[in-house]
Structures are given as structure tokens and as C-alpha cells.
Amino acid sequence: MTLTNHHSESEVNQLFSRVAPQYDRMNDLISLGTQRRWRKQLFRELPIHQGDTCLDLCCGTGDLTISLAQRSGRKGRVVGLDFNAEMLALAKRKAHTRGVNQQIEWLQADAMHLPFTDDQFNIITIGYGLRNVPDANQVLSEIYRVLAPGGHFACLEMSQPTNPIIKLGWRAYFKLFPYMARLTGAHPQDYQYLQKTAQAFYSADEIVQVMRESGFQKVRYHKLNLGAGALHFGQKARIN
């Protein structure tokens, strides 16, 4: 296994249990609200149809999962999977308030070892989760395995600007995260983890390479906010 996150799974799980109550507020604060636009762009480009089977990995508080349920309709099957119980509890409550909880199967499980047989899902998404798993390469291979032939995958993740001037500003902004955490009552040290993992994780071009090595075709990506984030898409080959 090639570690892409050197923090232990237990450490990361405990961290997300602590940040869960403030998670949505912190995401809005850190991104200055732009993460909502990023999600909308993902769904503008992801071809979801009524009745599709969908999987949202590392689903957190369920924003992508809920959107999948709204788009695939009552005839679809939607699974929201996360390894953290507190995040899943928040996701269930959010889905209930939006009237789609009965359409979603919530599952506490490990994205490194997906509990599904091959070729199950038409659509798979992961938002801000790939850098949190021990081995992103293995997770991408698992995603490809359970994706149905012709199925589509979308990954929304923090990224790293390549322009030297923008990169300096990006790094300076990340140093503010612990101070922002205090505004929401979160633990500042937990958001030092976000700073470190975002800076140490794969670049957008490296994610493209790993996706192709995992078997994905038609791989493409968009930079978001001058490279602060990236939106990747890929597809599994159809069977002739």
C-alpha cells in the first residue's frame, strides 16, 4: 500500500467526530461560500438519470448524497457511505429535513474496501474525501471496480495552484484556517490537519494519472478558484 495520507485511520476518524458539529459552517467559511458553487458545477456536468444507482463515498454530512437522491428520483438507488458515525448521523438528519432520507441507504464502511460486488453503480462521487483515506490509489481502484460499465465518476477535492504568486497567497490563506475555526467553536488544531493534507496531497495532474492507471477513460478536470480546488471526471469503458 502506498500511503497518500500518513495520519492513522483512527486519528482521522476521531478528528471528524470532533469537527462534525461545525463541519458545514467551517466549509462555508473556509471556501467563502464557493464550495456550494463547486457542487453545482459537478452536477451540471455529471449525467445523472432517473432510476440510476448512485454511490457517494466519504459522504460526510450528505450534501452530494442528497443531490444524487434528488436527481435519480424515487426509482433510483442511492448509497451514502462514510466511516464516521457522527457525520452519518448529521447526514441522515439533513436528508430527513429535505424529504429524501427514505431514498438513501446510509452505510458506515471503509472506502478502501467497498462492501459491494463488481459493476454495481451508474454514478459514483467523492467530495473532499480522497485525501483523507490512507491510500487514494486503492480507493480509486475500488471505485472503478464497483462502477458499472459506461458509468461515470466525479471527484471534488482541494488542490494546489501552480502559479507561483497565487500559490503564495493560497498557502498564506491556509494558515488562517485555525483562527477561522475559533469563530465557529471548532478546535484550531484540527484544521491544521486540513492545511497539511491539502498541501501534501496529489496535484490535479497527478490525480489524472492515478485515475488513468486505475482504468478510467475520458479523464478530465477543471481547476476551481484559480487552482484552490479541482473537479475530476472519468468513465468506465462500456462492454461491447
C-alpha atoms as a PDB file:
ATOM      1  CA  MET A   1       0.000   0.000   0.000  1.00  0.00           C
ATOM      2  CA  THR A   2       1.270   3.453  -0.964  1.00  0.00           C
ATOM      3  CA  LEU A   3       0.246   5.888   1.760  1.00  0.00           C
ATOM      4  CA  THR A   4      -1.139   9.179   0.478  1.00  0.00           C
ATOM      5  CA  ASN A   5      -2.233  10.198   3.998  1.00  0.00           C
ATOM      6  CA  HIS A   6       0.183   9.384   6.802  1.00  0.00           C
ATOM      7  CA  HIS A   7      -2.319  10.036   9.589  1.00  0.00           C
ATOM      8  CA  SER A   8      -3.805   6.832  11.017  1.00  0.00           C
ATOM      9  CA  GLU A   9      -7.416   5.925  10.230  1.00  0.00           C
ATOM     10  CA  SER A  10      -8.204   6.081  13.949  1.00  0.00           C
ATOM     11  CA  GLU A  11      -6.742   9.582  14.208  1.00  0.00           C
ATOM     12  CA  VAL A  12      -8.702  10.818  11.183  1.00  0.00           C
ATOM     13  CA  ASN A  13     -11.913   9.207  12.446  1.00  0.00           C
ATOM     14  CA  GLN A  14     -11.570  10.901  15.839  1.00  0.00           C
ATOM     15  CA  LEU A  15     -10.833  14.222  14.160  1.00  0.00           C
ATOM     16  CA  PHE A  16     -14.024  14.071  12.077  1.00  0.00           C
ATOM     17  CA  SER A  17     -16.039  13.155  15.156  1.00  0.00           C
ATOM     18  CA  ARG A  18     -14.788  16.366  16.760  1.00  0.00           C
ATOM     19  CA  VAL A  19     -15.375  18.623  13.738  1.00  0.00           C
ATOM     20  CA  ALA A  20     -18.753  17.132  12.742  1.00  0.00           C
ATOM     21  CA  PRO A  21     -20.953  19.701  14.570  1.00  0.00           C
ATOM     22  CA  GLN A  22     -19.156  22.638  12.889  1.00  0.00           C
ATOM     23  CA  TYR A  23     -18.273  20.917   9.613  1.00  0.00           C
ATOM     24  CA  ASP A  24     -20.790  22.624   7.307  1.00  0.00           C
ATOM     25  CA  ARG A  25     -20.220  26.068   8.787  1.00  0.00           C
ATOM     26  CA  MET A  26     -16.453  25.694   8.523  1.00  0.00           C
ATOM     27  CA  ASN A  27     -16.669  24.565   4.892  1.00  0.00           C
ATOM     28  CA  ASP A  28     -18.686  27.658   4.022  1.00  0.00           C
ATOM     29  CA  LEU A  29     -16.352  29.918   5.979  1.00  0.00           C
ATOM     30  CA  ILE A  30     -13.112  28.459   4.613  1.00  0.00           C
ATOM     31  CA  SER A  31     -14.325  28.488   0.995  1.00  0.00           C
ATOM     32  CA  LEU A  32     -16.100  31.857   1.396  1.00  0.00           C
ATOM     33  CA  GLY A  33     -19.217  30.060   0.180  1.00  0.00           C
ATOM     34  CA  THR A  34     -17.717  28.940  -3.116  1.00  0.00           C
ATOM     35  CA  GLN A  35     -17.869  25.234  -2.247  1.00  0.00           C
ATOM     36  CA  ARG A  36     -21.627  25.422  -2.907  1.00  0.00           C
ATOM     37  CA  ARG A  37     -20.916  26.616  -6.460  1.00  0.00           C
ATOM     38  CA  TRP A  38     -18.358  23.842  -6.894  1.00  0.00           C
ATOM     39  CA  ARG A  39     -21.002  21.226  -6.074  1.00  0.00           C
ATOM     40  CA  LYS A  40     -23.455  22.821  -8.506  1.00  0.00           C
ATOM     41  CA  GLN A  41     -20.824  22.669 -11.247  1.00  0.00           C
ATOM     42  CA  LEU A  42     -20.246  18.977 -10.515  1.00  0.00           C
ATOM     43  CA  PHE A  43     -23.915  18.214 -11.069  1.00  0.00           C
ATOM     44  CA  ARG A  44     -24.131  20.361 -14.189  1.00  0.00           C
ATOM     45  CA  GLU A  45     -21.545  18.085 -15.794  1.00  0.00           C
ATOM     46  CA  LEU A  46     -22.461  14.703 -14.304  1.00  0.00           C
ATOM     47  CA  PRO A  47     -25.056  12.851 -16.435  1.00  0.00           C
ATOM     48  CA  ILE A  48     -27.494  11.513 -13.828  1.00  0.00           C
ATOM     49  CA  HIS A  49     -30.781   9.983 -14.956  1.00  0.00           C
ATOM     50  CA  GLN A  50     -33.959   8.947 -13.181  1.00  0.00           C
ATOM     51  CA  GLY A  51     -33.528   5.445 -11.804  1.00  0.00           C
ATOM     52  CA  ASP A  52     -29.704   5.490 -11.698  1.00  0.00           C
ATOM     53  CA  THR A  53     -27.840   3.606  -8.986  1.00  0.00           C
ATOM     54  CA  CYS A  54     -25.541   6.078  -7.209  1.00  0.00           C
ATOM     55  CA  LEU A  55     -22.820   5.900  -4.569  1.00  0.00           C
ATOM     56  CA  ASP A  56     -21.404   8.855  -2.647  1.00  0.00           C
ATOM     57  CA  LEU A  57     -18.148   7.911  -0.914  1.00  0.00           C
ATOM     58  CA  CYS A  58     -16.814   9.698   2.180  1.00  0.00           C
ATOM     59  CA  CYS A  59     -20.239  11.333   2.163  1.00  0.00           C
ATOM     60  CA  GLY A  60     -19.707  13.395   5.323  1.00  0.00           C
ATOM     61  CA  THR A  61     -22.829  15.396   6.140  1.00  0.00           C
ATOM     62  CA  GLY A  62     -24.506  14.225   2.949  1.00  0.00           C
ATOM     63  CA  ASP A  63     -24.701  17.204   0.583  1.00  0.00           C
ATOM     64  CA  LEU A  64     -23.649  15.264  -2.529  1.00  0.00           C
ATOM     65  CA  THR A  65     -25.690  12.232  -1.440  1.00  0.00           C
ATOM     66  CA  ILE A  66     -28.851  14.293  -1.098  1.00  0.00           C
ATOM     67  CA  SER A  67     -28.328  15.862  -4.517  1.00  0.00           C
ATOM     68  CA  LEU A  68     -27.879  12.395  -6.031  1.00  0.00           C
ATOM     69  CA  ALA A  69     -31.172  11.270  -4.465  1.00  0.00           C
ATOM     70  CA  GLN A  70     -32.987  14.338  -5.771  1.00  0.00           C
ATOM     71  CA  ARG A  71     -31.723  13.724  -9.295  1.00  0.00           C
ATOM     72  CA  SER A  72     -32.069   9.936  -9.525  1.00  0.00           C
ATOM     73  CA  GLY A  73     -35.626  10.052  -8.165  1.00  0.00           C
ATOM     74  CA  ARG A  74     -37.639   7.505  -6.226  1.00  0.00           C
ATOM     75  CA  LYS A  75     -36.829   4.745  -8.706  1.00  0.00           C
ATOM     76  CA  GLY A  76     -33.098   5.223  -8.168  1.00  0.00           C
ATOM     77  CA  ARG A  77     -30.843   3.656  -5.579  1.00  0.00           C
ATOM     78  CA  VAL A  78     -28.536   5.954  -3.616  1.00  0.00           C
ATOM     79  CA  VAL A  79     -25.931   4.898  -1.042  1.00  0.00           C
ATOM     80  CA  GLY A  80     -24.125   7.374   1.195  1.00  0.00           C
ATOM     81  CA  LEU A  81     -21.005   5.764   2.670  1.00  0.00           C
ATOM     82  CA  ASP A  82     -18.715   7.144   5.370  1.00  0.00           C
ATOM     83  CA  PHE A  83     -16.537   5.639   8.091  1.00  0.00           C
ATOM     84  CA  ASN A  84     -17.554   8.214  10.717  1.00  0.00           C
ATOM     85  CA  ALA A  85     -20.749   7.660  12.717  1.00  0.00           C
ATOM     86  CA  GLU A  86     -21.193  11.305  13.739  1.00  0.00           C
ATOM     87  CA  MET A  87     -21.020  12.508  10.146  1.00  0.00           C
ATOM     88  CA  LEU A  88     -23.568   9.902   9.056  1.00  0.00           C
ATOM     89  CA  ALA A  89     -25.952  10.929  11.848  1.00  0.00           C
ATOM     90  CA  LEU A  90     -25.815  14.541  10.659  1.00  0.00           C
ATOM     91  CA  ALA A  91     -26.327  13.413   7.057  1.00  0.00           C
ATOM     92  CA  LYS A  92     -29.444  11.427   7.996  1.00  0.00           C
ATOM     93  CA  ARG A  93     -30.972  14.406   9.801  1.00  0.00           C
ATOM     94  CA  LYS A  94     -30.212  16.708   6.875  1.00  0.00           C
ATOM     95  CA  ALA A  95     -31.743  14.250   4.375  1.00  0.00           C
ATOM     96  CA  HIS A  96     -34.839  13.931   6.574  1.00  0.00           C
ATOM     97  CA  THR A  97     -35.393  17.702   6.600  1.00  0.00           C
ATOM     98  CA  ARG A  98     -35.094  17.733   2.786  1.00  0.00           C
ATOM     99  CA  GLY A  99     -37.544  14.878   2.333  1.00  0.00           C
ATOM    100  CA  VAL A 100     -35.212  12.344   0.721  1.00  0.00           C
ATOM    101  CA  ASN A 101     -33.991  10.205   3.629  1.00  0.00           C
ATOM    102  CA  GLN A 102     -36.166   7.247   2.616  1.00  0.00           C
ATOM    103  CA  GLN A 103     -34.471   7.215  -0.792  1.00  0.00           C
ATOM    104  CA  ILE A 104     -30.973   6.863   0.703  1.00  0.00           C
ATOM    105  CA  GLU A 105     -29.183   3.887   2.238  1.00  0.00           C
ATOM    106  CA  TRP A 106     -26.651   5.177   4.771  1.00  0.00           C
ATOM    107  CA  LEU A 107     -23.711   2.865   5.311  1.00  0.00           C
ATOM    108  CA  GLN A 108     -20.806   3.063   7.758  1.00  0.00           C
ATOM    109  CA  ALA A 109     -17.946   1.366   5.948  1.00  0.00           C
ATOM    110  CA  ASP A 110     -14.369   1.706   4.680  1.00  0.00           C
ATOM    111  CA  ALA A 111     -13.808   3.303   1.266  1.00  0.00           C
ATOM    112  CA  MET A 112     -10.586   1.291   0.978  1.00  0.00           C
ATOM    113  CA  HIS A 113     -12.577  -1.954   0.933  1.00  0.00           C
ATOM    114  CA  LEU A 114     -16.012  -1.304  -0.542  1.00  0.00           C
ATOM    115  CA  PRO A 115     -18.659  -3.863   0.535  1.00  0.00           C
ATOM    116  CA  PHE A 116     -20.123  -4.215  -2.954  1.00  0.00           C
ATOM    117  CA  THR A 117     -19.778  -6.654  -5.818  1.00  0.00           C
ATOM    118  CA  ASP A 118     -18.333  -5.501  -9.143  1.00  0.00           C
ATOM    119  CA  ASP A 119     -20.134  -3.260 -11.660  1.00  0.00           C
ATOM    120  CA  GLN A 120     -22.970  -2.017  -9.404  1.00  0.00           C
ATOM    121  CA  PHE A 121     -23.250   1.772  -9.729  1.00  0.00           C
ATOM    122  CA  ASN A 122     -24.017   4.065 -12.662  1.00  0.00           C
ATOM    123  CA  ILE A 123     -22.712   7.111 -10.768  1.00  0.00           C
ATOM    124  CA  ILE A 124     -20.045   7.429  -8.062  1.00  0.00           C
ATOM    125  CA  THR A 125     -18.990  10.667  -6.379  1.00  0.00           C
ATOM    126  CA  ILE A 126     -16.493  11.619  -3.699  1.00  0.00           C
ATOM    127  CA  GLY A 127     -16.214  15.116  -2.251  1.00  0.00           C
ATOM    128  CA  TYR A 128     -13.245  16.253  -0.148  1.00  0.00           C
ATOM    129  CA  GLY A 129     -12.596  12.649   0.840  1.00  0.00           C
ATOM    130  CA  LEU A 130      -9.844  11.300  -1.379  1.00  0.00           C
ATOM    131  CA  ARG A 131      -7.025  12.998   0.547  1.00  0.00           C
ATOM    132  CA  ASN A 132      -8.383  11.680   3.868  1.00  0.00           C
ATOM    133  CA  VAL A 133      -8.055   7.967   3.067  1.00  0.00           C
ATOM    134  CA  PRO A 134      -4.778   6.107   3.718  1.00  0.00           C
ATOM    135  CA  ASP A 135      -4.269   5.152   0.052  1.00  0.00           C
ATOM    136  CA  ALA A 136      -6.077   7.202  -2.596  1.00  0.00           C
ATOM    137  CA  ASN A 137      -4.783   4.844  -5.311  1.00  0.00           C
ATOM    138  CA  GLN A 138      -6.550   1.878  -3.739  1.00  0.00           C
ATOM    139  CA  VAL A 139      -9.777   3.840  -3.288  1.00  0.00           C
ATOM    140  CA  LEU A 140      -9.768   4.834  -6.963  1.00  0.00           C
ATOM    141  CA  SER A 141      -9.228   1.187  -7.918  1.00  0.00           C
ATOM    142  CA  GLU A 142     -12.159   0.175  -5.697  1.00  0.00           C
ATOM    143  CA  ILE A 143     -14.332   2.894  -7.251  1.00  0.00           C
ATOM    144  CA  TYR A 144     -13.502   1.611 -10.720  1.00  0.00           C
ATOM    145  CA  ARG A 145     -14.285  -1.965  -9.646  1.00  0.00           C
ATOM    146  CA  VAL A 146     -17.811  -1.213  -8.407  1.00  0.00           C
ATOM    147  CA  LEU A 147     -18.627   1.279 -11.181  1.00  0.00           C
ATOM    148  CA  ALA A 148     -20.827  -0.222 -13.887  1.00  0.00           C
ATOM    149  CA  PRO A 149     -19.551  -0.333 -17.487  1.00  0.00           C
ATOM    150  CA  GLY A 150     -20.258   3.070 -19.014  1.00  0.00           C
ATOM    151  CA  GLY A 151     -20.700   4.555 -15.527  1.00  0.00           C
ATOM    152  CA  HIS A 152     -19.440   7.991 -14.512  1.00  0.00           C
ATOM    153  CA  PHE A 153     -17.225   9.090 -11.629  1.00  0.00           C
ATOM    154  CA  ALA A 154     -16.730  12.607 -10.239  1.00  0.00           C
ATOM    155  CA  CYS A 155     -14.223  13.749  -7.622  1.00  0.00           C
ATOM    156  CA  LEU A 156     -14.325  17.166  -5.942  1.00  0.00           C
ATOM    157  CA  GLU A 157     -11.175  17.904  -3.959  1.00  0.00           C
ATOM    158  CA  MET A 158      -8.930  20.624  -2.622  1.00  0.00           C
ATOM    159  CA  SER A 159      -5.989  21.230  -4.933  1.00  0.00           C
ATOM    160  CA  GLN A 160      -2.804  23.228  -5.330  1.00  0.00           C
ATOM    161  CA  PRO A 161      -2.402  26.312  -7.554  1.00  0.00           C
ATOM    162  CA  THR A 162       0.545  26.133  -9.941  1.00  0.00           C
ATOM    163  CA  ASN A 163       1.018  29.872 -10.498  1.00  0.00           C
ATOM    164  CA  PRO A 164       3.815  30.901  -8.067  1.00  0.00           C
ATOM    165  CA  ILE A 165       2.144  34.136  -6.953  1.00  0.00           C
ATOM    166  CA  ILE A 166      -1.278  32.522  -6.451  1.00  0.00           C
ATOM    167  CA  LYS A 167       0.389  29.616  -4.641  1.00  0.00           C
ATOM    168  CA  LEU A 168       1.970  32.006  -2.120  1.00  0.00           C
ATOM    169  CA  GLY A 169      -1.419  33.559  -1.426  1.00  0.00           C
ATOM    170  CA  TRP A 170      -3.029  30.122  -1.181  1.00  0.00           C
ATOM    171  CA  ARG A 171      -0.504  28.979   1.431  1.00  0.00           C
ATOM    172  CA  ALA A 172      -0.920  32.201   3.419  1.00  0.00           C
ATOM    173  CA  TYR A 173      -4.701  31.740   3.393  1.00  0.00           C
ATOM    174  CA  PHE A 174      -4.406  28.168   4.680  1.00  0.00           C
ATOM    175  CA  LYS A 175      -2.517  29.458   7.714  1.00  0.00           C
ATOM    176  CA  LEU A 176      -5.667  31.374   8.688  1.00  0.00           C
ATOM    177  CA  PHE A 177      -7.768  28.194   8.981  1.00  0.00           C
ATOM    178  CA  PRO A 178      -7.031  27.518  12.675  1.00  0.00           C
ATOM    179  CA  TYR A 179      -8.080  31.088  13.500  1.00  0.00           C
ATOM    180  CA  MET A 180     -11.272  30.690  11.471  1.00  0.00           C
ATOM    181  CA  ALA A 181     -12.007  27.515  13.452  1.00  0.00           C
ATOM    182  CA  ARG A 182     -12.217  29.552  16.634  1.00  0.00           C
ATOM    183  CA  LEU A 183     -15.041  31.608  15.120  1.00  0.00           C
ATOM    184  CA  THR A 184     -17.251  28.504  14.881  1.00  0.00           C
ATOM    185  CA  GLY A 185     -16.184  26.897  18.147  1.00  0.00           C
ATOM    186  CA  ALA A 186     -14.101  24.225  16.388  1.00  0.00           C
ATOM    187  CA  HIS A 187     -10.703  23.022  17.562  1.00  0.00           C
ATOM    188  CA  PRO A 188      -7.983  25.062  15.768  1.00  0.00           C
ATOM    189  CA  GLN A 189      -5.530  22.146  15.801  1.00  0.00           C
ATOM    190  CA  ASP A 190      -7.982  20.023  13.810  1.00  0.00           C
ATOM    191  CA  TYR A 191      -7.840  22.499  10.943  1.00  0.00           C
ATOM    192  CA  GLN A 192      -4.069  22.332  10.893  1.00  0.00           C
ATOM    193  CA  TYR A 193      -4.719  18.805   9.603  1.00  0.00           C
ATOM    194  CA  LEU A 194      -6.691  20.280   6.694  1.00  0.00           C
ATOM    195  CA  GLN A 195      -3.833  22.635   5.897  1.00  0.00           C
ATOM    196  CA  LYS A 196      -1.217  19.866   5.957  1.00  0.00           C
ATOM    197  CA  THR A 197      -3.179  17.272   3.982  1.00  0.00           C
ATOM    198  CA  ALA A 198      -4.276  19.726   1.287  1.00  0.00           C
ATOM    199  CA  GLN A 199      -0.693  20.857   0.722  1.00  0.00           C
ATOM    200  CA  ALA A 200       0.751  17.323   0.766  1.00  0.00           C
ATOM    201  CA  PHE A 201      -1.857  15.599  -1.426  1.00  0.00           C
ATOM    202  CA  TYR A 202      -1.700  14.882  -5.150  1.00  0.00           C
ATOM    203  CA  SER A 203      -1.843  17.738  -7.626  1.00  0.00           C
ATOM    204  CA  ALA A 204      -4.724  17.827 -10.121  1.00  0.00           C
ATOM    205  CA  ASP A 205      -2.465  16.388 -12.841  1.00  0.00           C
ATOM    206  CA  GLU A 206      -1.328  13.570 -10.546  1.00  0.00           C
ATOM    207  CA  ILE A 207      -4.951  12.614  -9.848  1.00  0.00           C
ATOM    208  CA  VAL A 208      -5.489  12.372 -13.605  1.00  0.00           C
ATOM    209  CA  GLN A 209      -2.534   9.984 -13.846  1.00  0.00           C
ATOM    210  CA  VAL A 210      -3.747   7.762 -10.996  1.00  0.00           C
ATOM    211  CA  MET A 211      -7.276   7.665 -12.404  1.00  0.00           C
ATOM    212  CA  ARG A 212      -5.944   6.512 -15.757  1.00  0.00           C
ATOM    213  CA  GLU A 213      -3.768   3.886 -14.064  1.00  0.00           C
ATOM    214  CA  SER A 214      -6.911   2.633 -12.290  1.00  0.00           C
ATOM    215  CA  GLY A 215      -8.600   2.136 -15.676  1.00  0.00           C
ATOM    216  CA  PHE A 216     -10.710   5.268 -16.083  1.00  0.00           C
ATOM    217  CA  GLN A 217     -11.263   6.632 -19.570  1.00  0.00           C
ATOM    218  CA  LYS A 218     -12.177  10.135 -20.762  1.00  0.00           C
ATOM    219  CA  VAL A 219     -10.462  11.612 -17.706  1.00  0.00           C
ATOM    220  CA  ARG A 220     -10.650  15.385 -17.459  1.00  0.00           C
ATOM    221  CA  TYR A 221     -10.617  18.077 -14.805  1.00  0.00           C
ATOM    222  CA  HIS A 222     -11.360  21.712 -14.117  1.00  0.00           C
ATOM    223  CA  LYS A 223      -9.453  23.964 -11.778  1.00  0.00           C
ATOM    224  CA  LEU A 224     -11.628  25.840  -9.302  1.00  0.00           C
ATOM    225  CA  ASN A 225     -10.856  29.207  -7.708  1.00  0.00           C
ATOM    226  CA  LEU A 226      -7.543  29.568  -9.570  1.00  0.00           C
ATOM    227  CA  GLY A 227      -6.489  26.062  -8.568  1.00  0.00           C
ATOM    228  CA  ALA A 228      -7.571  26.030  -4.906  1.00  0.00           C
ATOM    229  CA  GLY A 229      -9.864  23.146  -5.831  1.00  0.00           C
ATOM    230  CA  ALA A 230     -10.269  20.700  -8.693  1.00  0.00           C
ATOM    231  CA  LEU A 231     -13.156  18.756 -10.180  1.00  0.00           C
ATOM    232  CA  HIS A 232     -12.200  15.476 -11.892  1.00  0.00           C
ATOM    233  CA  PHE A 233     -14.379  13.284 -14.115  1.00  0.00           C
ATOM    234  CA  GLY A 234     -13.828   9.818 -15.525  1.00  0.00           C
ATOM    235  CA  GLN A 235     -15.776   6.963 -17.063  1.00  0.00           C
ATOM    236  CA  LYS A 236     -15.595   3.176 -17.071  1.00  0.00           C
ATOM    237  CA  ALA A 237     -15.394   1.595 -20.510  1.00  0.00           C
ATOM    238  CA  ARG A 238     -18.569   0.091 -21.922  1.00  0.00           C
ATOM    239  CA  ILE A 239     -18.718  -3.593 -22.726  1.00  0.00           C
ATOM    240  CA  ASN A 240     -19.032  -4.107 -26.482  1.00  0.00           C
END
